[in-house]
Protein backbone atom coordinates (compact mmCIF):
# COMPACT_ATOMS: atom_id res chain seq x y z
CA MET A 1 162.97 101.18 57.74
CA ARG A 2 161.87 98.90 60.58
CA ARG A 3 160.95 101.80 62.81
CA ALA A 4 158.69 103.19 60.11
CA VAL A 5 156.87 99.97 59.77
CA VAL A 6 156.43 99.61 63.54
CA THR A 7 155.31 103.32 63.89
CA ALA A 8 152.78 102.98 61.09
CA SER A 9 151.39 99.72 62.46
CA ALA A 10 151.06 101.21 65.93
CA THR A 11 149.30 104.31 64.53
CA ALA A 12 146.89 102.24 62.51
CA ALA A 13 146.15 100.07 65.51
CA GLY A 14 145.50 103.15 67.70
CA VAL A 15 143.15 104.68 65.07
CA VAL A 16 141.23 101.38 64.86
CA LEU A 17 140.88 101.23 68.65
CA LEU A 18 139.59 104.84 68.77
CA LEU A 19 137.09 104.20 66.11
CA SER A 20 135.80 101.08 67.82
CA LEU A 21 134.78 103.01 70.93
CA LYS A 22 131.06 103.29 71.33
CA PRO A 23 129.37 106.53 72.56
CA HIS A 24 127.10 106.39 75.66
CA ASP A 25 123.60 105.39 75.23
CA PRO A 26 121.07 108.18 75.51
CA ALA A 27 119.04 108.18 78.77
CA ALA A 28 117.23 104.88 79.07
CA PRO A 29 113.80 104.57 80.57
CA VAL A 30 113.67 103.89 84.25
CA THR A 31 112.02 100.81 85.52
CA ALA A 32 111.11 100.25 89.12
CA ILE A 33 112.64 97.39 90.83
CA SER A 34 110.70 95.97 93.74
CA SER A 35 111.21 93.34 96.37
CA GLY A 36 108.44 91.42 94.72
CA GLY A 37 109.93 91.52 91.15
CA THR A 38 110.06 94.17 88.42
CA GLY A 39 107.31 96.37 87.12
CA PRO A 40 106.68 99.46 85.24
CA GLY A 41 108.27 102.50 86.70
CA GLY A 42 108.41 106.25 86.54
CA THR A 43 110.43 109.08 87.87
CA GLY A 44 108.35 109.51 91.05
CA SER A 45 108.01 112.62 93.00
CA GLY A 46 110.42 114.27 95.44
CA GLY A 47 107.87 114.37 98.25
CA GLY A 48 106.79 111.42 100.34
CA THR A 49 103.32 110.05 99.81
CA GLN A 50 101.34 107.83 102.03
CA GLU A 51 98.62 105.53 100.89
CA THR A 52 96.44 103.24 103.06
CA ALA A 53 94.77 100.14 101.64
CA ASN A 54 92.93 97.22 103.12
CA THR A 55 94.92 94.06 102.43
CA GLY A 56 91.79 91.81 102.45
CA THR A 57 93.39 89.19 104.74
CA GLY A 58 92.55 89.31 108.35
CA GLY A 59 91.19 92.79 108.18
CA GLY A 60 94.64 94.45 108.65
CA THR A 61 95.69 97.42 106.65
CA SER A 62 98.91 98.08 104.75
CA ARG A 63 100.36 101.45 104.08
CA SER A 64 102.70 102.71 101.43
CA VAL A 65 105.17 105.58 102.03
CA THR A 66 107.41 107.02 99.45
CA GLY A 67 110.84 108.35 100.67
CA ASP A 68 112.60 111.47 99.45
CA ALA A 69 114.39 111.31 96.18
CA VAL A 70 118.11 111.30 97.07
CA SER A 71 120.49 112.81 94.65
CA THR A 72 123.63 110.79 94.04
CA ARG A 73 126.62 111.22 91.68
CA TYR A 74 124.96 109.20 89.01
CA GLY A 75 121.30 110.10 89.47
CA PRO A 76 118.47 110.15 91.95
CA VAL A 77 117.34 107.14 94.04
CA GLN A 78 113.91 106.92 95.61
CA VAL A 79 112.12 104.00 97.37
CA LYS A 80 108.51 103.29 98.12
CA VAL A 81 107.91 101.13 101.29
CA ALA A 82 104.80 99.01 101.96
CA LEU A 83 104.28 98.55 105.73
CA ASP A 84 101.76 96.28 107.47
CA ALA A 85 99.65 97.23 110.46
CA ASP A 86 102.49 96.30 112.82
CA ARG A 87 104.85 98.69 110.88
CA ARG A 88 106.85 95.74 109.40
CA ILE A 89 108.28 96.27 105.94
CA THR A 90 106.49 93.99 103.55
CA LYS A 91 107.63 95.32 100.18
CA ILE A 92 110.09 97.84 98.84
CA ASP A 93 109.84 99.32 95.33
CA VAL A 94 112.67 101.38 94.08
CA VAL A 95 110.87 104.18 92.13
CA GLN A 96 113.98 105.97 90.83
CA TYR A 97 117.62 104.78 90.36
CA PRO A 98 120.53 105.66 88.07
CA SER A 99 120.02 104.11 84.63
CA ARG A 100 121.60 106.52 82.22
CA ASP A 101 123.89 104.08 80.50
CA HIS A 102 124.46 100.30 80.23
CA ARG A 103 126.85 100.21 83.18
CA ASP A 104 124.41 101.87 85.44
CA GLN A 105 121.74 99.42 84.41
CA GLU A 106 124.08 96.45 84.87
CA ILE A 107 125.17 97.62 88.44
CA ASN A 108 121.70 98.40 89.60
CA SER A 109 119.96 95.35 88.28
CA TYR A 110 122.23 93.38 90.62
CA ALA A 111 122.45 95.81 93.51
CA ILE A 112 118.82 96.81 94.02
CA PRO A 113 117.52 93.37 94.54
CA VAL A 114 120.30 92.71 97.13
CA LEU A 115 119.48 95.99 98.86
CA ASN A 116 115.79 95.12 98.94
CA GLN A 117 116.53 91.70 100.43
CA GLU A 118 118.88 93.07 103.06
CA ALA A 119 116.35 95.76 104.08
CA LEU A 120 113.53 93.30 104.30
CA ALA A 121 115.60 91.03 106.50
CA ALA A 122 116.83 93.87 108.74
CA GLN A 123 113.47 95.63 108.80
CA SER A 124 115.37 98.95 108.77
CA ALA A 125 117.68 101.13 106.70
CA LYS A 126 120.70 99.93 108.61
CA ILE A 127 122.15 97.67 105.98
CA ASP A 128 125.54 97.16 104.32
CA VAL A 129 126.35 98.77 100.98
CA VAL A 130 126.72 96.61 97.86
CA SER A 131 130.20 96.62 96.62
CA GLY A 132 130.46 98.41 93.34
CA ALA A 133 127.19 100.25 93.93
CA THR A 134 128.25 102.49 96.76
CA TYR A 135 126.42 105.67 95.50
CA THR A 136 123.22 103.76 94.78
CA SER A 137 123.45 101.99 98.17
CA ASP A 138 123.83 105.32 99.98
CA GLY A 139 120.95 106.92 98.13
CA TYR A 140 118.83 103.82 98.76
CA THR A 141 119.45 103.73 102.50
CA ARG A 142 118.83 107.50 102.89
CA SER A 143 115.49 107.31 100.90
CA LEU A 144 114.44 104.27 102.81
CA GLN A 145 115.21 106.01 106.12
CA SER A 146 113.19 109.02 105.04
CA ALA A 147 110.18 106.73 104.15
CA LEU A 148 110.45 105.04 107.55
CA ASP A 149 110.68 108.40 109.30
CA LYS A 150 107.50 109.55 107.56
CA ALA A 151 105.73 106.36 108.42
CA ALA A 152 106.50 106.92 112.05
CA GLU A 153 104.90 110.32 112.11
């Protein structure tokens, strides 16, 4: 009799746990994360684009270069880099990054600002990966390097 009660209780608890699981959220809209804050985003293009604009201060020009979209296990990562006349990185916008579900959004809301800060400090794509965001970090550095390579052309 005791076994029957324990078995029934365990079965009921298992059913309740299974029913409490939530399905994954559908694809969430992607927002760009930049080194200067957050802003509206998009999916970007796979090709690198270059834009030149006058900064208005000191007569220098700044140039934006979009790196290649790098496919990762969880989705594409693509960055857009703003460079000053001396080819120093002044701003980095992450145009695409994995954001399919809540976990992706949580990881990347932490990792991308850290990656931006590291890249600005290093002035290159030679930065450490963010623990827990290895795939995003790899895609970020590869896209950043492609943008810097295009800027050097």
